[in-house]
Amino acid sequence: MIYSLDKINEMAEGDEDFITSVISVFLEEVPQDLEGLEQALVANNYEQVYQLAHKIKPNVDLLGMEQTRAAALEIETLGKNRANMAEIEKVFPVLKTDIIQVVGELKNDFKL
């Protein structure tokens, strides 16, 4: 398991509906953002790369996904600085693999 519900549990204060809601939003938005980020990489669209990585970062942080957050931050920074797209493409697989794994785990763990 590469995610942790510690931050969400702290915010929820025992509210199971809140936890389920946060997980549902994650499952709905983050895969779409990831797909958009992948398309932005292919299109060499630095602004989109920056914006989508920026949007993904707090979502993975909320689930305690430190490695994934670090990858999103690196992609965000590289996109903002218009770094060589090959550098961004080296980091992207870590982000993608982690998110795909967590989406599967969350769907299974929460029966969503």
Protein backbone atom coordinates (compact mmCIF):
# COMPACT_ATOMS: atom_id res chain seq x y z
CA MET A 1 0.00 0.00 0.00
CA ILE A 2 1.59 3.27 -1.07
CA TYR A 3 -1.10 5.54 0.28
CA SER A 4 -2.02 6.56 3.80
CA LEU A 5 -5.31 7.89 5.12
CA ASP A 6 -3.68 9.65 8.09
CA LYS A 7 -4.20 13.19 6.75
CA ILE A 8 -7.74 12.48 5.58
CA ASN A 9 -8.65 10.80 8.90
CA GLU A 10 -7.31 13.79 10.78
CA MET A 11 -9.44 16.15 8.69
CA ALA A 12 -12.51 13.89 8.80
CA GLU A 13 -12.62 13.52 12.58
CA GLY A 14 -14.44 10.19 12.22
CA ASP A 15 -16.77 11.25 9.39
CA GLU A 16 -16.78 8.19 7.11
CA ASP A 17 -18.87 9.99 4.46
CA PHE A 18 -16.20 12.70 4.23
CA ILE A 19 -13.48 10.08 3.75
CA THR A 20 -15.47 8.31 1.04
CA SER A 21 -16.16 11.65 -0.64
CA VAL A 22 -12.46 12.59 -0.73
CA ILE A 23 -11.56 9.16 -2.13
CA SER A 24 -14.33 9.42 -4.75
CA VAL A 25 -13.11 12.83 -5.89
CA PHE A 26 -9.56 11.47 -6.11
CA LEU A 27 -10.74 8.53 -8.22
CA GLU A 28 -12.74 10.81 -10.48
CA GLU A 29 -10.27 13.65 -11.01
CA VAL A 30 -6.73 12.35 -10.73
CA PRO A 31 -6.86 9.72 -13.52
CA GLN A 32 -8.31 12.39 -15.86
CA ASP A 33 -5.59 14.84 -14.85
CA LEU A 34 -2.96 12.14 -15.37
CA GLU A 35 -4.29 11.44 -18.86
CA GLY A 36 -4.27 15.16 -19.64
CA LEU A 37 -0.71 15.42 -18.36
CA GLU A 38 0.38 12.58 -20.61
CA GLN A 39 -1.25 14.30 -23.60
CA ALA A 40 0.42 17.60 -22.65
CA LEU A 41 3.80 15.83 -22.63
CA VAL A 42 3.19 14.44 -26.11
CA ALA A 43 2.13 17.91 -27.32
CA ASN A 44 5.14 19.60 -25.63
CA ASN A 45 2.69 21.90 -23.86
CA TYR A 46 4.71 23.17 -20.91
CA GLU A 47 1.88 25.29 -19.50
CA GLN A 48 -0.50 22.30 -19.39
CA VAL A 49 2.24 20.10 -17.92
CA TYR A 50 2.79 22.65 -15.19
CA GLN A 51 -0.92 23.19 -14.46
CA LEU A 52 -1.85 19.50 -14.34
CA ALA A 53 1.13 18.50 -12.20
CA HIS A 54 0.24 21.41 -9.90
CA LYS A 55 -3.34 20.08 -9.67
CA ILE A 56 -2.29 16.46 -9.03
CA LYS A 57 0.23 17.33 -6.31
CA PRO A 58 -2.17 18.22 -3.44
CA ASN A 59 -4.36 15.21 -4.21
CA VAL A 60 -1.52 12.72 -3.86
CA ASP A 61 -0.20 14.65 -0.84
CA LEU A 62 -3.56 14.26 0.88
CA LEU A 63 -3.16 10.49 0.54
CA GLY A 64 0.35 10.58 2.00
CA MET A 65 1.94 9.52 -1.29
CA GLU A 66 5.34 11.14 -0.70
CA GLN A 67 7.21 9.64 -3.67
CA THR A 68 4.33 10.54 -5.97
CA ARG A 69 4.10 14.05 -4.55
CA ALA A 70 7.84 14.51 -5.13
CA ALA A 71 7.44 13.36 -8.76
CA ALA A 72 4.49 15.73 -9.29
CA LEU A 73 6.48 18.60 -7.77
CA GLU A 74 9.46 17.85 -10.02
CA ILE A 75 7.24 17.72 -13.12
CA GLU A 76 5.50 20.92 -12.03
CA THR A 77 8.83 22.71 -11.58
CA LEU A 78 10.30 21.39 -14.83
CA GLY A 79 7.14 22.41 -16.70
CA LYS A 80 7.13 25.87 -15.17
CA ASN A 81 10.80 26.35 -16.06
CA ARG A 82 10.27 24.93 -19.55
CA ALA A 83 12.99 22.35 -18.99
CA ASN A 84 13.92 19.77 -21.58
CA MET A 85 10.79 17.67 -22.15
CA ALA A 86 12.95 14.53 -21.98
CA GLU A 87 13.69 15.34 -18.32
CA ILE A 88 9.96 15.51 -17.59
CA GLU A 89 9.38 12.27 -19.48
CA LYS A 90 11.94 10.52 -17.23
CA VAL A 91 9.95 11.44 -14.10
CA PHE A 92 6.45 10.87 -15.50
CA PRO A 93 6.49 7.02 -15.33
CA VAL A 94 6.93 7.14 -11.52
CA LEU A 95 3.91 9.43 -11.22
CA LYS A 96 1.81 7.35 -13.60
CA THR A 97 2.69 3.97 -12.05
CA ASP A 98 1.99 5.17 -8.50
CA ILE A 99 -1.33 6.77 -9.40
CA ILE A 100 -2.54 3.74 -11.36
CA GLN A 101 -1.58 1.46 -8.46
CA VAL A 102 -3.33 3.65 -5.87
CA VAL A 103 -6.46 4.01 -7.99
CA GLY A 104 -6.69 0.21 -8.11
CA GLU A 105 -6.05 -0.12 -4.38
CA LEU A 106 -8.60 2.57 -3.46
CA LYS A 107 -11.30 1.07 -5.69
CA ASN A 108 -10.67 -2.31 -4.06
CA ASP A 109 -10.31 -1.04 -0.48
CA PHE A 110 -13.40 1.21 -0.65
CA LYS A 111 -15.46 -1.00 -3.01
CA LEU A 112 -15.89 1.91 -5.44
